């Protein structure tokens, strides 16, 4: 993930930052579920890992697309917005599917 100068690329930094934000957010959400007795500790931990992975991958993908279109500000902005919206839509769809599976 690093180049010859021991510096992380912008995609790697975005992936790491996204994973950290996703982990923090998921920990807060999942801890509440655990405290309410809705989930076991193993389910909570698995969900946090899953959410962190998704957030990191979405962040890295958005930055990769943005880097590929660098030098074209309008195109870059539109690409980042659409990629972010697609990532949020995908994550929401996956969450709805999980909720449907749990209620069945």
N, C-alpha and C. Protein backbone atom coordinates (compact mmCIF):
# COMPACT_ATOMS: atom_id res chain seq x y z
N UNK A 1 0.79 -1.19 0.00
CA UNK A 1 0.00 0.00 0.00
C UNK A 1 0.84 1.26 0.00
N UNK A 2 2.12 1.14 0.20
CA UNK A 2 2.95 2.33 0.20
C UNK A 2 3.88 2.30 -1.00
N UNK A 3 4.34 3.47 -1.35
CA UNK A 3 5.26 3.56 -2.47
C UNK A 3 6.70 3.56 -1.97
N UNK A 4 7.63 3.87 -2.84
CA UNK A 4 9.06 3.79 -2.49
C UNK A 4 9.47 4.77 -1.39
N UNK A 5 8.75 5.87 -1.25
CA UNK A 5 9.12 6.87 -0.25
C UNK A 5 8.46 6.62 1.09
N UNK A 6 7.84 5.48 1.27
CA UNK A 6 7.15 5.15 2.51
C UNK A 6 6.00 6.11 2.83
N UNK A 7 5.31 6.56 1.80
CA UNK A 7 4.14 7.41 1.99
C UNK A 7 2.92 6.67 1.46
N UNK A 8 1.80 6.82 2.14
CA UNK A 8 0.58 6.18 1.70
C UNK A 8 -0.05 6.99 0.57
N UNK A 9 -0.63 6.30 -0.37
CA UNK A 9 -1.33 6.98 -1.46
C UNK A 9 -2.64 7.56 -0.91
N UNK A 10 -3.23 8.46 -1.69
CA UNK A 10 -4.48 9.07 -1.25
C UNK A 10 -5.59 8.03 -1.13
N UNK A 11 -5.55 7.01 -1.98
CA UNK A 11 -6.57 5.95 -1.90
C UNK A 11 -6.40 5.15 -0.60
N UNK A 12 -5.18 4.84 -0.25
CA UNK A 12 -4.91 4.11 1.00
C UNK A 12 -5.33 4.92 2.21
N UNK A 13 -5.02 6.22 2.19
CA UNK A 13 -5.42 7.08 3.31
C UNK A 13 -6.93 7.15 3.42
N UNK A 14 -7.63 7.25 2.28
CA UNK A 14 -9.10 7.31 2.31
C UNK A 14 -9.67 5.99 2.82
N UNK A 15 -9.08 4.89 2.42
CA UNK A 15 -9.54 3.58 2.88
C UNK A 15 -9.40 3.46 4.39
N UNK A 16 -8.26 3.88 4.91
CA UNK A 16 -8.01 3.81 6.35
C UNK A 16 -8.94 4.75 7.11
N UNK A 17 -9.08 5.98 6.62
CA UNK A 17 -9.96 6.94 7.29
C UNK A 17 -11.41 6.47 7.27
N UNK A 18 -11.86 5.94 6.14
CA UNK A 18 -13.22 5.43 6.05
C UNK A 18 -13.46 4.27 7.00
N UNK A 19 -12.48 3.39 7.11
CA UNK A 19 -12.61 2.25 8.02
C UNK A 19 -12.66 2.72 9.48
N UNK A 20 -11.87 3.72 9.82
CA UNK A 20 -11.89 4.25 11.19
C UNK A 20 -13.22 4.91 11.52
N UNK A 21 -13.72 5.72 10.58
CA UNK A 21 -15.02 6.37 10.81
C UNK A 21 -16.13 5.32 10.88
N UNK A 22 -16.09 4.35 9.97
CA UNK A 22 -17.09 3.28 9.97
C UNK A 22 -17.05 2.46 11.25
N UNK A 23 -15.86 2.20 11.75
CA UNK A 23 -15.72 1.44 13.00
C UNK A 23 -16.30 2.21 14.17
N UNK A 24 -15.97 3.48 14.26
CA UNK A 24 -16.47 4.30 15.36
C UNK A 24 -17.99 4.38 15.35
N UNK A 25 -18.54 4.68 14.19
CA UNK A 25 -19.99 4.79 14.07
C UNK A 25 -20.68 3.47 14.38
N UNK A 26 -20.15 2.40 13.83
CA UNK A 26 -20.74 1.09 14.05
C UNK A 26 -20.63 0.67 15.52
N UNK A 27 -19.51 0.97 16.15
CA UNK A 27 -19.34 0.63 17.57
C UNK A 27 -20.41 1.29 18.42
N UNK A 28 -20.67 2.55 18.15
CA UNK A 28 -21.69 3.26 18.92
C UNK A 28 -23.06 2.64 18.70
N UNK A 29 -23.40 2.38 17.45
CA UNK A 29 -24.70 1.80 17.12
C UNK A 29 -24.85 0.39 17.68
N UNK A 30 -23.84 -0.43 17.48
CA UNK A 30 -23.92 -1.82 17.90
C UNK A 30 -23.86 -1.96 19.42
N UNK A 31 -23.15 -1.07 20.09
CA UNK A 31 -23.07 -1.13 21.54
C UNK A 31 -24.46 -0.92 22.15
N UNK A 32 -25.21 -0.01 21.54
CA UNK A 32 -26.59 0.22 22.03
C UNK A 32 -27.42 -1.05 21.89
N UNK A 33 -27.29 -1.73 20.75
CA UNK A 33 -28.03 -2.98 20.54
C UNK A 33 -27.61 -4.03 21.56
N UNK A 34 -26.32 -4.10 21.83
CA UNK A 34 -25.80 -5.07 22.81
C UNK A 34 -26.31 -4.75 24.20
N UNK A 35 -26.29 -3.47 24.58
CA UNK A 35 -26.76 -3.05 25.90
C UNK A 35 -28.24 -3.34 26.10
N UNK A 36 -29.02 -3.24 25.01
CA UNK A 36 -30.46 -3.52 25.09
C UNK A 36 -30.77 -5.01 25.03
N UNK A 37 -29.74 -5.84 24.87
CA UNK A 37 -29.93 -7.27 24.83
C UNK A 37 -30.43 -7.79 23.49
N UNK A 38 -30.37 -6.94 22.45
CA UNK A 38 -30.85 -7.35 21.13
C UNK A 38 -29.85 -8.25 20.40
N UNK A 39 -28.57 -8.13 20.74
CA UNK A 39 -27.52 -8.91 20.07
C UNK A 39 -26.53 -9.43 21.10
N UNK A 40 -25.89 -10.54 20.74
CA UNK A 40 -24.83 -11.07 21.60
C UNK A 40 -23.54 -10.30 21.30
N UNK A 41 -22.54 -10.53 22.13
CA UNK A 41 -21.25 -9.85 21.93
C UNK A 41 -20.60 -10.29 20.62
N UNK A 42 -20.73 -11.57 20.27
CA UNK A 42 -20.17 -12.06 19.01
C UNK A 42 -20.86 -11.42 17.81
N UNK A 43 -22.19 -11.30 17.86
CA UNK A 43 -22.92 -10.65 16.77
C UNK A 43 -22.52 -9.19 16.65
N UNK A 44 -22.34 -8.54 17.78
CA UNK A 44 -21.95 -7.13 17.80
C UNK A 44 -20.58 -6.96 17.16
N UNK A 45 -19.63 -7.77 17.55
CA UNK A 45 -18.28 -7.68 17.00
C UNK A 45 -18.26 -7.96 15.51
N UNK A 46 -18.99 -8.97 15.08
CA UNK A 46 -19.03 -9.31 13.65
C UNK A 46 -19.64 -8.18 12.84
N UNK A 47 -20.65 -7.54 13.37
CA UNK A 47 -21.31 -6.43 12.65
C UNK A 47 -20.38 -5.23 12.56
N UNK A 48 -19.62 -4.95 13.61
CA UNK A 48 -18.67 -3.84 13.60
C UNK A 48 -17.59 -4.08 12.54
N UNK A 49 -17.07 -5.29 12.49
CA UNK A 49 -16.05 -5.61 11.48
C UNK A 49 -16.62 -5.48 10.07
N UNK A 50 -17.83 -5.96 9.88
CA UNK A 50 -18.49 -5.87 8.58
C UNK A 50 -18.70 -4.42 8.16
N UNK A 51 -19.20 -3.60 9.08
CA UNK A 51 -19.45 -2.19 8.76
C UNK A 51 -18.16 -1.44 8.48
N UNK A 52 -17.11 -1.73 9.24
CA UNK A 52 -15.82 -1.07 9.03
C UNK A 52 -15.25 -1.43 7.65
N UNK A 53 -15.38 -2.68 7.27
CA UNK A 53 -14.90 -3.11 5.95
C UNK A 53 -15.66 -2.42 4.84
N UNK A 54 -16.97 -2.36 4.96
CA UNK A 54 -17.78 -1.69 3.94
C UNK A 54 -17.42 -0.21 3.82
N UNK A 55 -17.30 0.47 4.96
CA UNK A 55 -16.98 1.89 4.94
C UNK A 55 -15.60 2.13 4.34
N UNK A 56 -14.64 1.31 4.68
CA UNK A 56 -13.30 1.45 4.11
C UNK A 56 -13.28 1.23 2.61
N UNK A 57 -13.99 0.20 2.15
CA UNK A 57 -14.02 -0.08 0.72
C UNK A 57 -14.72 1.02 -0.07
N UNK A 58 -15.82 1.54 0.46
CA UNK A 58 -16.52 2.62 -0.23
C UNK A 58 -15.63 3.87 -0.29
N UNK A 59 -14.99 4.21 0.82
CA UNK A 59 -14.12 5.39 0.84
C UNK A 59 -12.95 5.24 -0.12
N UNK A 60 -12.33 4.07 -0.11
CA UNK A 60 -11.21 3.83 -1.03
C UNK A 60 -11.64 3.87 -2.48
N UNK A 61 -12.80 3.30 -2.79
CA UNK A 61 -13.30 3.31 -4.17
C UNK A 61 -13.61 4.72 -4.64
N UNK A 62 -14.23 5.51 -3.78
CA UNK A 62 -14.54 6.89 -4.15
C UNK A 62 -13.26 7.68 -4.41
N UNK A 63 -12.26 7.50 -3.56
CA UNK A 63 -11.00 8.23 -3.76
C UNK A 63 -10.28 7.74 -5.01
N UNK A 64 -10.36 6.46 -5.31
CA UNK A 64 -9.73 5.94 -6.53
C UNK A 64 -10.37 6.56 -7.76
N UNK A 65 -11.68 6.66 -7.77
CA UNK A 65 -12.37 7.28 -8.89
C UNK A 65 -12.02 8.76 -8.97
N UNK A 66 -11.98 9.43 -7.84
CA UNK A 66 -11.64 10.86 -7.82
C UNK A 66 -10.21 11.08 -8.31
N UNK A 67 -9.30 10.21 -7.93
CA UNK A 67 -7.91 10.34 -8.38
C UNK A 67 -7.78 10.12 -9.88
N UNK A 68 -8.59 9.21 -10.40
CA UNK A 68 -8.54 8.92 -11.83
C UNK A 68 -9.06 10.08 -12.67
N UNK A 69 -9.91 10.91 -12.10
CA UNK A 69 -10.47 12.03 -12.85
C UNK A 69 -9.87 13.36 -12.41
N UNK A 70 -8.72 13.32 -11.75
CA UNK A 70 -8.08 14.54 -11.26
C UNK A 70 -7.77 15.48 -12.43
N UNK A 71 -7.89 16.77 -12.17
CA UNK A 71 -7.63 17.76 -13.20
C UNK A 71 -8.89 18.25 -13.88
N UNK A 72 -9.99 17.61 -13.61
CA UNK A 72 -11.28 18.02 -14.16
C UNK A 72 -12.23 18.25 -12.99
N UNK A 73 -12.23 19.45 -12.42
CA UNK A 73 -12.96 19.68 -11.17
C UNK A 73 -14.45 19.33 -11.21
N UNK A 74 -15.16 19.71 -12.23
CA UNK A 74 -16.59 19.43 -12.28
C UNK A 74 -16.84 17.93 -12.38
N UNK A 75 -16.07 17.26 -13.25
CA UNK A 75 -16.22 15.82 -13.40
C UNK A 75 -15.86 15.10 -12.11
N UNK A 76 -14.80 15.55 -11.45
CA UNK A 76 -14.39 14.94 -10.18
C UNK A 76 -15.47 15.10 -9.13
N UNK A 77 -16.04 16.30 -9.02
CA UNK A 77 -17.08 16.54 -8.04
C UNK A 77 -18.30 15.66 -8.31
N UNK A 78 -18.73 15.61 -9.55
CA UNK A 78 -19.88 14.78 -9.90
C UNK A 78 -19.61 13.30 -9.65
N UNK A 79 -18.40 12.87 -9.95
CA UNK A 79 -18.03 11.48 -9.75
C UNK A 79 -18.03 11.11 -8.27
N UNK A 80 -17.45 11.98 -7.45
CA UNK A 80 -17.39 11.71 -6.01
C UNK A 80 -18.80 11.68 -5.43
N UNK A 81 -19.64 12.62 -5.83
CA UNK A 81 -21.01 12.65 -5.32
C UNK A 81 -21.78 11.40 -5.74
N UNK A 82 -21.66 11.03 -7.01
CA UNK A 82 -22.41 9.85 -7.47
C UNK A 82 -21.86 8.56 -6.87
N UNK A 83 -20.55 8.45 -6.72
CA UNK A 83 -19.98 7.26 -6.11
C UNK A 83 -20.36 7.17 -4.64
N UNK A 84 -20.36 8.30 -3.95
CA UNK A 84 -20.78 8.31 -2.55
C UNK A 84 -22.24 7.94 -2.40
N UNK A 85 -23.08 8.48 -3.27
CA UNK A 85 -24.51 8.15 -3.23
C UNK A 85 -24.73 6.68 -3.52
N UNK A 86 -24.00 6.15 -4.49
CA UNK A 86 -24.13 4.72 -4.82
C UNK A 86 -23.68 3.86 -3.65
N UNK A 87 -22.61 4.25 -2.99
CA UNK A 87 -22.14 3.51 -1.82
C UNK A 87 -23.15 3.53 -0.68
N UNK A 88 -23.73 4.69 -0.42
CA UNK A 88 -24.74 4.78 0.62
C UNK A 88 -25.98 3.96 0.28
N UNK A 89 -26.38 4.00 -0.99
CA UNK A 89 -27.53 3.22 -1.44
C UNK A 89 -27.25 1.73 -1.26
N UNK A 90 -26.05 1.30 -1.63
CA UNK A 90 -25.68 -0.10 -1.50
C UNK A 90 -25.68 -0.54 -0.04
N UNK A 91 -25.09 0.28 0.82
CA UNK A 91 -25.05 -0.06 2.23
C UNK A 91 -26.45 -0.09 2.84
N UNK A 92 -27.32 0.84 2.43
CA UNK A 92 -28.69 0.86 2.92
C UNK A 92 -29.45 -0.37 2.45
N UNK A 93 -29.24 -0.76 1.19
CA UNK A 93 -29.90 -1.94 0.66
C UNK A 93 -29.45 -3.20 1.40
N UNK A 94 -28.16 -3.28 1.71
CA UNK A 94 -27.65 -4.43 2.45
C UNK A 94 -28.21 -4.46 3.86
N UNK A 95 -28.35 -3.28 4.48
CA UNK A 95 -28.90 -3.21 5.83
C UNK A 95 -30.37 -3.63 5.83
N UNK A 96 -31.12 -3.18 4.83
CA UNK A 96 -32.53 -3.57 4.73
C UNK A 96 -32.66 -5.08 4.52
N UNK A 97 -31.75 -5.66 3.73
CA UNK A 97 -31.78 -7.10 3.50
C UNK A 97 -31.50 -7.85 4.81
N UNK A 98 -30.54 -7.37 5.57
CA UNK A 98 -30.23 -8.00 6.86
C UNK A 98 -31.42 -7.91 7.80
N UNK A 99 -32.10 -6.76 7.82
CA UNK A 99 -33.26 -6.59 8.69
C UNK A 99 -34.40 -7.53 8.26
N UNK A 100 -34.57 -7.70 6.95
CA UNK A 100 -35.60 -8.61 6.45
C UNK A 100 -35.27 -10.05 6.81
N UNK A 101 -33.97 -10.41 6.73
CA UNK A 101 -33.55 -11.76 7.08
C UNK A 101 -33.76 -12.04 8.57
N UNK A 102 -33.49 -11.04 9.43
CA UNK A 102 -33.64 -11.23 10.87
C UNK A 102 -35.10 -11.36 11.28
N UNK A 103 -35.99 -10.65 10.58
CA UNK A 103 -37.40 -10.68 10.96
C UNK A 103 -38.12 -11.91 10.40
N UNK A 104 -37.50 -12.61 9.47
CA UNK A 104 -38.14 -13.79 8.88
C UNK A 104 -37.97 -15.02 9.73
